[in-house]
Amino acid sequence: NIQKLEYNLHILKERDAENRQTVDQFRKKIHKLQDQLSKYTAKYREEDEKFKGENAKLTADYRRITEKFKDLQKKYRHFEYLDEK
Protein backbone atom coordinates (compact mmCIF):
# COMPACT_ATOMS: atom_id res chain seq x y z
CA ASN A 1 0.00 0.00 0.00
CA ILE A 2 2.89 2.34 0.80
CA GLN A 3 4.39 1.66 -2.63
CA LYS A 4 1.12 2.61 -4.27
CA LEU A 5 0.99 5.83 -2.26
CA GLU A 6 4.60 6.65 -3.15
CA TYR A 7 3.86 5.93 -6.81
CA ASN A 8 0.80 8.20 -6.71
CA LEU A 9 2.86 10.93 -5.01
CA HIS A 10 5.50 10.60 -7.73
CA ILE A 11 2.84 10.88 -10.46
CA LEU A 12 1.29 13.89 -8.76
CA LYS A 13 4.69 15.62 -8.52
CA GLU A 14 5.29 14.97 -12.23
CA ARG A 15 1.86 16.33 -13.12
CA ASP A 16 2.49 19.34 -10.91
CA ALA A 17 5.76 20.04 -12.72
CA GLU A 18 4.04 19.68 -16.11
CA ASN A 19 1.23 21.96 -15.01
CA ARG A 20 3.70 24.59 -13.82
CA GLN A 21 5.43 24.47 -17.21
CA THR A 22 2.08 24.83 -18.95
CA VAL A 23 1.12 27.77 -16.73
CA ASP A 24 4.49 29.43 -17.42
CA GLN A 25 4.01 28.94 -21.16
CA PHE A 26 0.54 30.48 -20.97
CA ARG A 27 1.88 33.41 -18.94
CA LYS A 28 4.52 34.05 -21.59
CA LYS A 29 1.91 33.80 -24.32
CA ILE A 30 -0.42 36.19 -22.48
CA HIS A 31 2.42 38.67 -22.01
CA LYS A 32 3.33 38.44 -25.70
CA LEU A 33 -0.30 38.94 -26.75
CA GLN A 34 -0.67 41.91 -24.39
CA ASP A 35 2.43 43.49 -25.94
CA GLN A 36 0.99 42.95 -29.42
CA LEU A 37 -2.33 44.42 -28.35
CA SER A 38 -0.59 47.50 -26.97
CA LYS A 39 1.42 47.88 -30.16
CA TYR A 40 -1.60 47.56 -32.42
CA THR A 41 -3.71 49.84 -30.24
CA ALA A 42 -1.04 52.53 -30.42
CA LYS A 43 -0.75 52.06 -34.18
CA TYR A 44 -4.54 52.31 -34.52
CA ARG A 45 -4.64 55.56 -32.55
CA GLU A 46 -1.81 56.98 -34.65
CA GLU A 47 -3.50 56.05 -37.93
CA ASP A 48 -6.89 57.26 -36.68
CA GLU A 49 -5.49 60.70 -35.84
CA LYS A 50 -3.73 60.85 -39.19
CA PHE A 51 -6.89 59.97 -41.09
CA LYS A 52 -9.02 62.37 -39.04
CA GLY A 53 -6.63 65.18 -39.97
CA GLU A 54 -6.65 64.16 -43.61
CA ASN A 55 -10.44 63.92 -43.59
CA ALA A 56 -10.75 67.42 -42.10
CA LYS A 57 -8.41 68.80 -44.77
CA LEU A 58 -10.31 67.10 -47.59
CA THR A 59 -13.63 68.28 -46.18
CA ALA A 60 -12.37 71.86 -46.08
CA ASP A 61 -11.08 71.52 -49.67
CA TYR A 62 -14.43 70.14 -50.79
CA ARG A 63 -16.33 73.01 -49.18
CA ARG A 64 -13.98 75.56 -50.72
CA ILE A 65 -14.29 74.03 -54.19
CA THR A 66 -18.07 73.76 -53.85
CA GLU A 67 -18.29 77.45 -52.94
CA LYS A 68 -16.11 78.38 -55.93
CA PHE A 69 -18.30 76.26 -58.20
CA LYS A 70 -21.48 77.90 -56.89
CA ASP A 71 -19.92 81.33 -57.39
CA LEU A 72 -18.92 80.38 -60.94
CA GLN A 73 -22.47 79.17 -61.69
CA LYS A 74 -23.84 82.43 -60.35
CA LYS A 75 -21.50 84.42 -62.59
CA TYR A 76 -22.36 82.23 -65.56
CA ARG A 77 -26.10 82.81 -65.02
CA HIS A 78 -25.48 86.53 -64.69
CA PHE A 79 -23.54 86.73 -67.96
CA GLU A 80 -26.06 84.47 -69.69
CA TYR A 81 -28.81 86.82 -68.54
CA LEU A 82 -26.86 89.84 -69.83
CA ASP A 83 -26.23 88.13 -73.19
CA GLU A 84 -29.95 87.51 -73.64
CA LYS A 85 -30.78 91.21 -73.24
C-alpha atoms as a PDB file:
ATOM      1  CA  ASN A   1       0.000   0.000   0.000  1.00  0.00           C
ATOM      2  CA  ILE A   2       2.892   2.344   0.801  1.00  0.00           C
ATOM      3  CA  GLN A   3       4.394   1.663  -2.634  1.00  0.00           C
ATOM      4  CA  LYS A   4       1.124   2.606  -4.273  1.00  0.00           C
ATOM      5  CA  LEU A   5       0.994   5.832  -2.263  1.00  0.00           C
ATOM      6  CA  GLU A   6       4.602   6.649  -3.153  1.00  0.00           C
ATOM      7  CA  TYR A   7       3.864   5.933  -6.812  1.00  0.00           C
ATOM      8  CA  ASN A   8       0.797   8.201  -6.706  1.00  0.00           C
ATOM      9  CA  LEU A   9       2.860  10.931  -5.013  1.00  0.00           C
ATOM     10  CA  HIS A  10       5.501  10.599  -7.732  1.00  0.00           C
ATOM     11  CA  ILE A  11       2.843  10.882 -10.456  1.00  0.00           C
ATOM     12  CA  LEU A  12       1.289  13.894  -8.758  1.00  0.00           C
ATOM     13  CA  LYS A  13       4.685  15.615  -8.523  1.00  0.00           C
ATOM     14  CA  GLU A  14       5.288  14.973 -12.235  1.00  0.00           C
ATOM     15  CA  ARG A  15       1.862  16.334 -13.124  1.00  0.00           C
ATOM     16  CA  ASP A  16       2.485  19.343 -10.915  1.00  0.00           C
ATOM     17  CA  ALA A  17       5.763  20.040 -12.725  1.00  0.00           C
ATOM     18  CA  GLU A  18       4.041  19.678 -16.108  1.00  0.00           C
ATOM     19  CA  ASN A  19       1.227  21.961 -15.008  1.00  0.00           C
ATOM     20  CA  ARG A  20       3.703  24.587 -13.823  1.00  0.00           C
ATOM     21  CA  GLN A  21       5.426  24.470 -17.207  1.00  0.00           C
ATOM     22  CA  THR A  22       2.078  24.834 -18.947  1.00  0.00           C
ATOM     23  CA  VAL A  23       1.121  27.770 -16.725  1.00  0.00           C
ATOM     24  CA  ASP A  24       4.491  29.429 -17.424  1.00  0.00           C
ATOM     25  CA  GLN A  25       4.007  28.943 -21.163  1.00  0.00           C
ATOM     26  CA  PHE A  26       0.537  30.480 -20.973  1.00  0.00           C
ATOM     27  CA  ARG A  27       1.877  33.410 -18.941  1.00  0.00           C
ATOM     28  CA  LYS A  28       4.522  34.049 -21.587  1.00  0.00           C
ATOM     29  CA  LYS A  29       1.907  33.795 -24.324  1.00  0.00           C
ATOM     30  CA  ILE A  30      -0.423  36.193 -22.476  1.00  0.00           C
ATOM     31  CA  HIS A  31       2.425  38.667 -22.015  1.00  0.00           C
ATOM     32  CA  LYS A  32       3.334  38.439 -25.697  1.00  0.00           C
ATOM     33  CA  LEU A  33      -0.300  38.939 -26.751  1.00  0.00           C
ATOM     34  CA  GLN A  34      -0.666  41.913 -24.392  1.00  0.00           C
ATOM     35  CA  ASP A  35       2.429  43.485 -25.943  1.00  0.00           C
ATOM     36  CA  GLN A  36       0.992  42.948 -29.422  1.00  0.00           C
ATOM     37  CA  LEU A  37      -2.332  44.422 -28.349  1.00  0.00           C
ATOM     38  CA  SER A  38      -0.589  47.502 -26.966  1.00  0.00           C
ATOM     39  CA  LYS A  39       1.420  47.881 -30.157  1.00  0.00           C
ATOM     40  CA  TYR A  40      -1.602  47.563 -32.424  1.00  0.00           C
ATOM     41  CA  THR A  41      -3.708  49.843 -30.235  1.00  0.00           C
ATOM     42  CA  ALA A  42      -1.039  52.532 -30.424  1.00  0.00           C
ATOM     43  CA  LYS A  43      -0.748  52.056 -34.184  1.00  0.00           C
ATOM     44  CA  TYR A  44      -4.537  52.313 -34.524  1.00  0.00           C
ATOM     45  CA  ARG A  45      -4.638  55.562 -32.545  1.00  0.00           C
ATOM     46  CA  GLU A  46      -1.813  56.976 -34.654  1.00  0.00           C
ATOM     47  CA  GLU A  47      -3.505  56.047 -37.926  1.00  0.00           C
ATOM     48  CA  ASP A  48      -6.893  57.258 -36.682  1.00  0.00           C
ATOM     49  CA  GLU A  49      -5.492  60.697 -35.837  1.00  0.00           C
ATOM     50  CA  LYS A  50      -3.731  60.846 -39.192  1.00  0.00           C
ATOM     51  CA  PHE A  51      -6.893  59.966 -41.091  1.00  0.00           C
ATOM     52  CA  LYS A  52      -9.021  62.366 -39.044  1.00  0.00           C
ATOM     53  CA  GLY A  53      -6.632  65.177 -39.973  1.00  0.00           C
ATOM     54  CA  GLU A  54      -6.650  64.157 -43.613  1.00  0.00           C
ATOM     55  CA  ASN A  55     -10.442  63.921 -43.591  1.00  0.00           C
ATOM     56  CA  ALA A  56     -10.752  67.419 -42.104  1.00  0.00           C
ATOM     57  CA  LYS A  57      -8.412  68.798 -44.775  1.00  0.00           C
ATOM     58  CA  LEU A  58     -10.307  67.097 -47.586  1.00  0.00           C
ATOM     59  CA  THR A  59     -13.630  68.283 -46.179  1.00  0.00           C
ATOM     60  CA  ALA A  60     -12.373  71.862 -46.082  1.00  0.00           C
ATOM     61  CA  ASP A  61     -11.076  71.523 -49.674  1.00  0.00           C
ATOM     62  CA  TYR A  62     -14.434  70.137 -50.791  1.00  0.00           C
ATOM     63  CA  ARG A  63     -16.327  73.005 -49.184  1.00  0.00           C
ATOM     64  CA  ARG A  64     -13.984  75.558 -50.715  1.00  0.00           C
ATOM     65  CA  ILE A  65     -14.290  74.027 -54.195  1.00  0.00           C
ATOM     66  CA  THR A  66     -18.069  73.761 -53.847  1.00  0.00           C
ATOM     67  CA  GLU A  67     -18.292  77.445 -52.943  1.00  0.00           C
ATOM     68  CA  LYS A  68     -16.114  78.377 -55.930  1.00  0.00           C
ATOM     69  CA  PHE A  69     -18.301  76.260 -58.197  1.00  0.00           C
ATOM     70  CA  LYS A  70     -21.479  77.904 -56.890  1.00  0.00           C
ATOM     71  CA  ASP A  71     -19.922  81.329 -57.390  1.00  0.00           C
ATOM     72  CA  LEU A  72     -18.924  80.377 -60.941  1.00  0.00           C
ATOM     73  CA  GLN A  73     -22.466  79.166 -61.688  1.00  0.00           C
ATOM     74  CA  LYS A  74     -23.843  82.429 -60.351  1.00  0.00           C
ATOM     75  CA  LYS A  75     -21.496  84.425 -62.589  1.00  0.00           C
ATOM     76  CA  TYR A  76     -22.365  82.234 -65.558  1.00  0.00           C
ATOM     77  CA  ARG A  77     -26.098  82.812 -65.024  1.00  0.00           C
ATOM     78  CA  HIS A  78     -25.484  86.528 -64.690  1.00  0.00           C
ATOM     79  CA  PHE A  79     -23.544  86.731 -67.964  1.00  0.00           C
ATOM     80  CA  GLU A  80     -26.057  84.467 -69.686  1.00  0.00           C
ATOM     81  CA  TYR A  81     -28.806  86.824 -68.545  1.00  0.00           C
ATOM     82  CA  LEU A  82     -26.856  89.840 -69.834  1.00  0.00           C
ATOM     83  CA  ASP A  83     -26.234  88.135 -73.189  1.00  0.00           C
ATOM     84  CA  GLU A  84     -29.945  87.510 -73.643  1.00  0.00           C
ATOM     85  CA  LYS A  85     -30.782  91.207 -73.244  1.00  0.00           C
END
